[in-house]
PDB file of all heavy atoms in Angstrom:
ATOM      1  N   ILE A   1      60.070  20.783  83.323  1.00  0.00           N
ATOM      2  CA  ILE A   1      60.225  20.633  81.891  1.00  0.00           C
ATOM      3  C   ILE A   1      59.987  19.143  81.490  1.00  0.00           C
ATOM      4  O   ILE A   1      59.404  18.862  80.507  1.00  0.00           O
ATOM      5  CB  ILE A   1      61.580  21.205  81.452  1.00  0.00           C
ATOM      6  CG1 ILE A   1      61.549  22.641  81.486  1.00  0.00           C
ATOM      7  CG2 ILE A   1      61.848  20.622  80.049  1.00  0.00           C
ATOM      8  CD1 ILE A   1      62.937  23.339  81.030  1.00  0.00           C
ATOM      9  N   GLN A   2      60.526  18.313  82.272  1.00  0.00           N
ATOM     10  CA  GLN A   2      60.457  16.901  82.027  1.00  0.00           C
ATOM     11  C   GLN A   2      59.048  16.347  82.058  1.00  0.00           C
ATOM     12  O   GLN A   2      58.668  15.220  81.512  1.00  0.00           O
ATOM     13  CB  GLN A   2      61.369  16.025  82.955  1.00  0.00           C
ATOM     14  CG  GLN A   2      62.800  16.221  82.695  1.00  0.00           C
ATOM     15  CD  GLN A   2      63.708  15.363  83.506  1.00  0.00           C
ATOM     16  OE1 GLN A   2      63.775  14.249  83.328  1.00  0.00           O
ATOM     17  NE2 GLN A   2      64.272  16.005  84.582  1.00  0.00           N
ATOM     18  N   SER A   3      58.077  17.119  82.660  1.00  0.00           N
ATOM     19  CA  SER A   3      56.724  16.743  82.660  1.00  0.00           C
ATOM     20  C   SER A   3      55.964  17.244  81.493  1.00  0.00           C
ATOM     21  O   SER A   3      54.813  16.931  81.332  1.00  0.00           O
ATOM     22  CB  SER A   3      56.020  17.236  83.967  1.00  0.00           C
ATOM     23  OG  SER A   3      55.987  18.603  83.961  1.00  0.00           O
ATOM     24  N   ILE A   4      56.675  17.972  80.668  1.00  0.00           N
ATOM     25  CA  ILE A   4      55.933  18.630  79.471  1.00  0.00           C
ATOM     26  C   ILE A   4      56.448  17.833  78.201  1.00  0.00           C
ATOM     27  O   ILE A   4      57.567  17.948  77.744  1.00  0.00           O
ATOM     28  CB  ILE A   4      56.281  20.165  79.281  1.00  0.00           C
ATOM     29  CG1 ILE A   4      55.923  20.853  80.548  1.00  0.00           C
ATOM     30  CG2 ILE A   4      55.615  20.608  78.101  1.00  0.00           C
ATOM     31  CD1 ILE A   4      56.344  22.347  80.557  1.00  0.00           C
ATOM     32  N   PRO A   5      55.577  17.013  77.557  1.00  0.00           N
ATOM     33  CA  PRO A   5      56.042  16.254  76.421  1.00  0.00           C
ATOM     34  C   PRO A   5      56.417  17.166  75.267  1.00  0.00           C
ATOM     35  O   PRO A   5      55.775  18.189  74.953  1.00  0.00           O
ATOM     36  CB  PRO A   5      54.757  15.571  75.983  1.00  0.00           C
ATOM     37  CG  PRO A   5      53.957  15.442  77.296  1.00  0.00           C
ATOM     38  CD  PRO A   5      54.173  16.753  78.020  1.00  0.00           C
ATOM     39  N   GLY A   6      57.600  16.772  74.662  1.00  0.00           N
ATOM     40  CA  GLY A   6      58.083  17.499  73.440  1.00  0.00           C
ATOM     41  C   GLY A   6      58.579  18.907  73.727  1.00  0.00           C
ATOM     42  O   GLY A   6      58.609  19.736  72.752  1.00  0.00           O
ATOM     43  N   PHE A   7      58.906  19.187  74.940  1.00  0.00           N
ATOM     44  CA  PHE A   7      59.263  20.525  75.246  1.00  0.00           C
ATOM     45  C   PHE A   7      60.577  20.981  74.539  1.00  0.00           C
ATOM     46  O   PHE A   7      60.556  22.040  73.862  1.00  0.00           O
ATOM     47  CB  PHE A   7      59.549  20.692  76.752  1.00  0.00           C
ATOM     48  CG  PHE A   7      59.910  22.108  77.253  1.00  0.00           C
ATOM     49  CD1 PHE A   7      59.066  23.047  77.529  1.00  0.00           C
ATOM     50  CD2 PHE A   7      61.315  22.434  77.269  1.00  0.00           C
ATOM     51  CE1 PHE A   7      59.401  24.352  77.913  1.00  0.00           C
ATOM     52  CE2 PHE A   7      61.753  23.754  77.619  1.00  0.00           C
ATOM     53  CZ  PHE A   7      60.724  24.683  77.962  1.00  0.00           C
ATOM     54  N   TRP A   8      61.554  20.179  74.585  1.00  0.00           N
ATOM     55  CA  TRP A   8      62.852  20.627  74.000  1.00  0.00           C
ATOM     56  C   TRP A   8      62.897  20.625  72.516  1.00  0.00           C
ATOM     57  O   TRP A   8      63.520  21.494  71.915  1.00  0.00           O
ATOM     58  CB  TRP A   8      64.007  19.787  74.604  1.00  0.00           C
ATOM     59  CG  TRP A   8      64.354  20.190  75.944  1.00  0.00           C
ATOM     60  CD1 TRP A   8      64.230  19.407  77.084  1.00  0.00           C
ATOM     61  CD2 TRP A   8      64.890  21.394  76.379  1.00  0.00           C
ATOM     62  NE1 TRP A   8      64.683  20.067  78.197  1.00  0.00           N
ATOM     63  CE2 TRP A   8      65.129  21.352  77.727  1.00  0.00           C
ATOM     64  CE3 TRP A   8      65.456  22.556  75.740  1.00  0.00           C
ATOM     65  CZ2 TRP A   8      65.655  22.346  78.569  1.00  0.00           C
ATOM     66  CZ3 TRP A   8      65.923  23.562  76.489  1.00  0.00           C
ATOM     67  CH2 TRP A   8      66.035  23.489  77.878  1.00  0.00           C
ATOM     68  N   VAL A   9      62.204  19.678  71.892  1.00  0.00           N
ATOM     69  CA  VAL A   9      62.146  19.699  70.412  1.00  0.00           C
ATOM     70  C   VAL A   9      61.524  20.894  69.901  1.00  0.00           C
ATOM     71  O   VAL A   9      61.956  21.610  68.915  1.00  0.00           O
ATOM     72  CB  VAL A   9      61.466  18.417  69.844  1.00  0.00           C
ATOM     73  CG1 VAL A   9      59.980  18.377  70.229  1.00  0.00           C
ATOM     74  CG2 VAL A   9      61.573  18.451  68.357  1.00  0.00           C
ATOM     75  N   LYS A  10      60.448  21.390  70.591  1.00  0.00           N
ATOM     76  CA  LYS A  10      59.768  22.649  70.263  1.00  0.00           C
ATOM     77  C   LYS A  10      60.751  23.860  70.441  1.00  0.00           C
ATOM     78  O   LYS A  10      60.672  24.735  69.616  1.00  0.00           O
ATOM     79  CB  LYS A  10      58.505  22.862  71.044  1.00  0.00           C
ATOM     80  CG  LYS A  10      57.582  23.956  70.591  1.00  0.00           C
ATOM     81  CD  LYS A  10      56.242  24.064  71.293  1.00  0.00           C
ATOM     82  CE  LYS A  10      55.396  25.161  70.780  1.00  0.00           C
ATOM     83  NZ  LYS A  10      54.025  25.137  71.478  1.00  0.00           N
ATOM     84  N   VAL A  11      61.491  23.884  71.587  1.00  0.00           N
ATOM     85  CA  VAL A  11      62.379  24.961  71.787  1.00  0.00           C
ATOM     86  C   VAL A  11      63.471  25.054  70.700  1.00  0.00           C
ATOM     87  O   VAL A  11      63.689  26.075  70.213  1.00  0.00           O
ATOM     88  CB  VAL A  11      63.098  24.740  73.173  1.00  0.00           C
ATOM     89  CG1 VAL A  11      64.213  25.786  73.400  1.00  0.00           C
ATOM     90  CG2 VAL A  11      62.128  24.937  74.352  1.00  0.00           C
ATOM     91  N   PHE A  12      63.984  23.858  70.303  1.00  0.00           N
ATOM     92  CA  PHE A  12      65.036  23.861  69.266  1.00  0.00           C
ATOM     93  C   PHE A  12      64.501  24.360  67.945  1.00  0.00           C
ATOM     94  O   PHE A  12      65.053  25.176  67.298  1.00  0.00           O
ATOM     95  CB  PHE A  12      65.661  22.525  69.136  1.00  0.00           C
ATOM     96  CG  PHE A  12      66.803  22.181  70.037  1.00  0.00           C
ATOM     97  CD1 PHE A  12      66.532  22.096  71.478  1.00  0.00           C
ATOM     98  CD2 PHE A  12      68.043  22.008  69.681  1.00  0.00           C
ATOM     99  CE1 PHE A  12      67.524  21.824  72.385  1.00  0.00           C
ATOM    100  CE2 PHE A  12      69.106  21.768  70.540  1.00  0.00           C
ATOM    101  CZ  PHE A  12      68.814  21.621  71.973  1.00  0.00           C
ATOM    102  N   VAL A  13      63.373  23.898  67.591  1.00  0.00           N
ATOM    103  CA  VAL A  13      62.740  24.191  66.312  1.00  0.00           C
ATOM    104  C   VAL A  13      62.347  25.595  66.256  1.00  0.00           C
ATOM    105  O   VAL A  13      62.423  26.311  65.179  1.00  0.00           O
ATOM    106  CB  VAL A  13      61.570  23.215  65.992  1.00  0.00           C
ATOM    107  CG1 VAL A  13      60.787  23.637  64.819  1.00  0.00           C
ATOM    108  CG2 VAL A  13      62.051  21.786  65.787  1.00  0.00           C
ATOM    109  N   ASN A  14      61.852  26.158  67.342  1.00  0.00           N
ATOM    110  CA  ASN A  14      61.354  27.572  67.336  1.00  0.00           C
ATOM    111  C   ASN A  14      62.435  28.600  67.386  1.00  0.00           C
ATOM    112  O   ASN A  14      62.219  29.791  67.153  1.00  0.00           O
ATOM    113  CB  ASN A  14      60.363  27.766  68.507  1.00  0.00           C
ATOM    114  CG  ASN A  14      59.072  27.195  68.314  1.00  0.00           C
ATOM    115  OD1 ASN A  14      58.694  26.679  67.237  1.00  0.00           O
ATOM    116  ND2 ASN A  14      58.164  27.140  69.273  1.00  0.00           N
ATOM    117  N   HIS A  15      63.638  28.214  67.684  1.00  0.00           N
ATOM    118  CA  HIS A  15      64.819  29.175  67.742  1.00  0.00           C
ATOM    119  C   HIS A  15      65.097  29.609  66.213  1.00  0.00           C
ATOM    120  O   HIS A  15      65.303  28.741  65.425  1.00  0.00           O
ATOM    121  CB  HIS A  15      66.060  28.593  68.385  1.00  0.00           C
ATOM    122  CG  HIS A  15      67.048  29.579  68.683  1.00  0.00           C
ATOM    123  ND1 HIS A  15      67.946  30.035  67.655  1.00  0.00           N
ATOM    124  CD2 HIS A  15      67.400  30.262  69.824  1.00  0.00           C
ATOM    125  CE1 HIS A  15      68.768  30.950  68.191  1.00  0.00           C
ATOM    126  NE2 HIS A  15      68.450  31.087  69.497  1.00  0.00           N
ATOM    127  N   PRO A  16      65.078  30.941  66.023  1.00  0.00           N
ATOM    128  CA  PRO A  16      65.269  31.410  64.696  1.00  0.00           C
ATOM    129  C   PRO A  16      66.501  30.961  63.992  1.00  0.00           C
ATOM    130  O   PRO A  16      66.500  30.680  62.831  1.00  0.00           O
ATOM    131  CB  PRO A  16      65.156  32.929  64.755  1.00  0.00           C
ATOM    132  CG  PRO A  16      65.475  33.222  66.207  1.00  0.00           C
ATOM    133  CD  PRO A  16      64.940  31.982  66.968  1.00  0.00           C
ATOM    134  N   ARG A  17      67.633  30.941  64.723  1.00  0.00           N
ATOM    135  CA  ARG A  17      68.955  30.511  64.041  1.00  0.00           C
ATOM    136  C   ARG A  17      69.122  29.044  64.001  1.00  0.00           C
ATOM    137  O   ARG A  17      69.606  28.451  63.062  1.00  0.00           O
ATOM    138  CB  ARG A  17      70.113  31.219  64.836  1.00  0.00           C
ATOM    139  CG  ARG A  17      70.258  32.711  64.505  1.00  0.00           C
ATOM    140  CD  ARG A  17      71.510  33.248  65.071  1.00  0.00           C
ATOM    141  NE  ARG A  17      71.605  33.162  66.568  1.00  0.00           N
ATOM    142  CZ  ARG A  17      72.571  33.099  67.304  1.00  0.00           C
ATOM    143  NH1 ARG A  17      73.804  33.112  66.727  1.00  0.00           N
ATOM    144  NH2 ARG A  17      72.538  33.120  68.601  1.00  0.00           N
ATOM    145  N   MET A  18      68.673  28.416  65.089  1.00  0.00           N
ATOM    146  CA  MET A  18      68.809  26.875  65.182  1.00  0.00           C
ATOM    147  C   MET A  18      67.915  26.219  64.175  1.00  0.00           C
ATOM    148  O   MET A  18      68.306  25.168  63.606  1.00  0.00           O
ATOM    149  CB  MET A  18      68.488  26.408  66.603  1.00  0.00           C
ATOM    150  CG  MET A  18      68.584  24.936  66.825  1.00  0.00           C
ATOM    151  SD  MET A  18      70.362  24.437  66.849  1.00  0.00           S
ATOM    152  CE  MET A  18      70.739  24.847  68.519  1.00  0.00           C
ATOM    153  N   SER A  19      66.690  26.743  63.975  1.00  0.00           N
ATOM    154  CA  SER A  19      65.753  26.161  63.001  1.00  0.00           C
ATOM    155  C   SER A  19      66.321  25.987  61.598  1.00  0.00           C
ATOM    156  O   SER A  19      66.044  25.009  60.901  1.00  0.00           O
ATOM    157  CB  SER A  19      64.444  26.944  63.019  1.00  0.00           C
ATOM    158  OG  SER A  19      64.651  28.269  62.412  1.00  0.00           O
ATOM    159  N   ALA A  20      67.188  26.918  61.275  1.00  0.00           N
ATOM    160  CA  ALA A  20      67.844  26.863  59.880  1.00  0.00           C
ATOM    161  C   ALA A  20      68.744  25.727  59.697  1.00  0.00           C
ATOM    162  O   ALA A  20      69.143  25.291  58.662  1.00  0.00           O
ATOM    163  CB  ALA A  20      68.465  28.165  59.562  1.00  0.00           C
ATOM    164  N   MET A  21      69.144  25.224  60.841  1.00  0.00           N
ATOM    165  CA  MET A  21      70.191  24.047  60.846  1.00  0.00           C
ATOM    166  C   MET A  21      69.583  22.696  61.259  1.00  0.00           C
ATOM    167  O   MET A  21      70.286  21.679  61.456  1.00  0.00           O
ATOM    168  CB  MET A  21      71.392  24.375  61.761  1.00  0.00           C
ATOM    169  CG  MET A  21      72.129  25.580  61.314  1.00  0.00           C
ATOM    170  SD  MET A  21      73.474  25.999  62.359  1.00  0.00           S
ATOM    171  CE  MET A  21      72.705  26.924  63.744  1.00  0.00           C
ATOM    172  N   ILE A  22      68.199  22.689  61.382  1.00  0.00           N
ATOM    173  CA  ILE A  22      67.486  21.429  61.834  1.00  0.00           C
ATOM    174  C   ILE A  22      66.726  20.904  60.679  1.00  0.00           C
ATOM    175  O   ILE A  22      65.788  21.547  60.068  1.00  0.00           O
ATOM    176  CB  ILE A  22      66.620  21.699  63.006  1.00  0.00           C
ATOM    177  CG1 ILE A  22      67.415  22.042  64.204  1.00  0.00           C
ATOM    178  CG2 ILE A  22      65.668  20.553  63.362  1.00  0.00           C
ATOM    179  CD1 ILE A  22      66.731  22.349  65.492  1.00  0.00           C
ATOM    180  N   SER A  23      66.895  19.602  60.348  1.00  0.00           N
ATOM    181  CA  SER A  23      66.184  18.934  59.235  1.00  0.00           C
ATOM    182  C   SER A  23      65.026  18.176  59.777  1.00  0.00           C
ATOM    183  O   SER A  23      64.896  18.013  61.069  1.00  0.00           O
ATOM    184  CB  SER A  23      67.153  18.107  58.448  1.00  0.00           C
ATOM    185  OG  SER A  23      67.644  17.110  59.177  1.00  0.00           O
ATOM    186  N   THR A  24      64.396  17.459  58.976  1.00  0.00           N
ATOM    187  CA  THR A  24      63.242  16.620  59.328  1.00  0.00           C
ATOM    188  C   THR A  24      63.765  15.532  60.242  1.00  0.00           C
ATOM    189  O   THR A  24      63.096  15.207  61.267  1.00  0.00           O
ATOM    190  CB  THR A  24      62.561  15.971  58.179  1.00  0.00           C
ATOM    191  OG1 THR A  24      62.049  17.104  57.346  1.00  0.00           O
ATOM    192  CG2 THR A  24      61.355  15.087  58.500  1.00  0.00           C
ATOM    193  N   GLN A  25      64.856  14.863  59.923  1.00  0.00           N
ATOM    194  CA  GLN A  25      65.335  13.743  60.789  1.00  0.00           C
ATOM    195  C   GLN A  25      65.851  14.237  62.066  1.00  0.00           C
ATOM    196  O   GLN A  25      65.801  13.463  63.078  1.00  0.00           O
ATOM    197  CB  GLN A  25      66.391  12.859  59.995  1.00  0.00           C
ATOM    198  CG  GLN A  25      67.820  13.298  60.169  1.00  0.00           C
ATOM    199  CD  GLN A  25      68.229  14.363  59.242  1.00  0.00           C
ATOM    200  OE1 GLN A  25      67.530  14.700  58.321  1.00  0.00           O
ATOM    201  NE2 GLN A  25      69.496  14.857  59.401  1.00  0.00           N
ATOM    202  N   ASP A  26      66.455  15.436  62.048  1.00  0.00           N
ATOM    203  CA  ASP A  26      66.829  16.000  63.323  1.00  0.00           C
ATOM    204  C   ASP A  26      65.673  16.202  64.353  1.00  0.00           C
ATOM    205  O   ASP A  26      65.766  15.912  65.502  1.00  0.00           O
ATOM    206  CB  ASP A  26      67.541  17.383  63.103  1.00  0.00           C
ATOM    207  CG  ASP A  26      68.836  17.303  62.343  1.00  0.00           C
ATOM    208  OD1 ASP A  26      69.436  16.239  62.409  1.00  0.00           O
ATOM    209  OD2 ASP A  26      69.167  18.272  61.663  1.00  0.00           O
ATOM    210  N   LYS A  27      64.608  16.708  63.754  1.00  0.00           N
ATOM    211  CA  LYS A  27      63.412  16.921  64.560  1.00  0.00           C
ATOM    212  C   LYS A  27      62.850  15.619  65.141  1.00  0.00           C
ATOM    213  O   LYS A  27      62.432  15.521  66.248  1.00  0.00           O
ATOM    214  CB  LYS A  27      62.341  17.623  63.664  1.00  0.00           C
ATOM    215  CG  LYS A  27      61.094  18.000  64.489  1.00  0.00           C
ATOM    216  CD  LYS A  27      60.115  18.818  63.642  1.00  0.00           C
ATOM    217  CE  LYS A  27      58.823  19.162  64.411  1.00  0.00           C
ATOM    218  NZ  LYS A  27      57.916  19.834  63.510  1.00  0.00           N
ATOM    219  N   GLU A  28      62.978  14.523  64.333  1.00  0.00           N
ATOM    220  CA  GLU A  28      62.480  13.219  64.825  1.00  0.00           C
ATOM    221  C   GLU A  28      63.389  12.790  65.991  1.00  0.00           C
ATOM    222  O   GLU A  28      62.860  12.131  66.919  1.00  0.00           O
ATOM    223  CB  GLU A  28      62.460  12.202  63.690  1.00  0.00           C
ATOM    224  CG  GLU A  28      61.439  12.597  62.572  1.00  0.00           C
ATOM    225  CD  GLU A  28      61.540  11.578  61.468  1.00  0.00           C
ATOM    226  OE1 GLU A  28      62.301  10.631  61.494  1.00  0.00           O
ATOM    227  OE2 GLU A  28      60.762  11.769  60.456  1.00  0.00           O
ATOM    228  N   MET A  29      64.672  12.917  65.831  1.00  0.00           N
ATOM    229  CA  MET A  29      65.516  12.491  66.923  1.00  0.00           C
ATOM    230  C   MET A  29      65.273  13.289  68.177  1.00  0.00           C
ATOM    231  O   MET A  29      65.207  12.788  69.270  1.00  0.00           O
ATOM    232  CB  MET A  29      67.043  12.546  66.469  1.00  0.00           C
ATOM    233  CG  MET A  29      67.397  11.463  65.546  1.00  0.00           C
ATOM    234  SD  MET A  29      69.227  11.430  65.380  1.00  0.00           S
ATOM    235  CE  MET A  29      69.565  13.068  64.763  1.00  0.00           C
ATOM    236  N   LEU A  30      65.097  14.669  67.966  1.00  0.00           N
ATOM    237  CA  LEU A  30      64.860  15.515  69.172  1.00  0.00           C
ATOM    238  C   LEU A  30      63.584  15.243  69.796  1.00  0.00           C
ATOM    239  O   LEU A  30      63.379  15.679  70.988  1.00  0.00           O
ATOM    240  CB  LEU A  30      65.047  17.005  68.608  1.00  0.00           C
ATOM    241  CG  LEU A  30      66.362  17.465  68.342  1.00  0.00           C
ATOM    242  CD1 LEU A  30      66.349  18.905  67.667  1.00  0.00           C
ATOM    243  CD2 LEU A  30      67.218  17.553  69.647  1.00  0.00           C
ATOM    244  N   SER A  31      62.658  14.639  69.107  1.00  0.00           N
ATOM    245  CA  SER A  31      61.312  14.252  69.721  1.00  0.00           C
ATOM    246  C   SER A  31      61.531  13.407  70.950  1.00  0.00           C
ATOM    247  O   SER A  31      60.628  13.225  71.776  1.00  0.00           O
ATOM    248  CB  SER A  31      60.383  13.748  68.758  1.00  0.00           C
ATOM    249  OG  SER A  31      60.853  12.468  68.270  1.00  0.00           O
ATOM    250  N   TYR A  32      62.718  12.602  70.992  1.00  0.00           N
ATOM    251  CA  TYR A  32      62.948  11.720  72.086  1.00  0.00           C
ATOM    252  C   TYR A  32      63.718  12.337  73.153  1.00  0.00           C
ATOM    253  O   TYR A  32      64.054  11.780  74.267  1.00  0.00           O
ATOM    254  CB  TYR A  32      63.729  10.547  71.613  1.00  0.00           C
ATOM    255  CG  TYR A  32      62.895   9.724  70.631  1.00  0.00           C
ATOM    256  CD1 TYR A  32      62.852   9.791  69.299  1.00  0.00           C
ATOM    257  CD2 TYR A  32      62.130   8.632  71.186  1.00  0.00           C
ATOM    258  CE1 TYR A  32      62.117   8.938  68.400  1.00  0.00           C
ATOM    259  CE2 TYR A  32      61.328   7.735  70.389  1.00  0.00           C
ATOM    260  CZ  TYR A  32      61.406   7.945  69.011  1.00  0.00           C
ATOM    261  OH  TYR A  32      60.587   7.174  68.230  1.00  0.00           O
ATOM    262  N   MET A  33      64.075  13.603  73.028  1.00  0.00           N
ATOM    263  CA  MET A  33      64.914  14.309  74.085  1.00  0.00           C
ATOM    264  C   MET A  33      63.975  14.739  75.277  1.00  0.00           C
ATOM    265  O   MET A  33      62.887  15.213  75.191  1.00  0.00           O
ATOM    266  CB  MET A  33      65.499  15.558  73.401  1.00  0.00           C
ATOM    267  CG  MET A  33      66.434  16.349  74.316  1.00  0.00           C
ATOM    268  SD  MET A  33      67.235  17.777  73.394  1.00  0.00           S
ATOM    269  CE  MET A  33      67.982  18.560  74.751  1.00  0.00           C
TER     270      MET A  33
END
């Protein structure tokens, strides 16, 4: 997973329940995860 850029931010954003609680700034922070 660590060899795949942006893996976890995509996982968080694509989750149907989690996505409703993620804002634009959250996505930006998660891009560094």
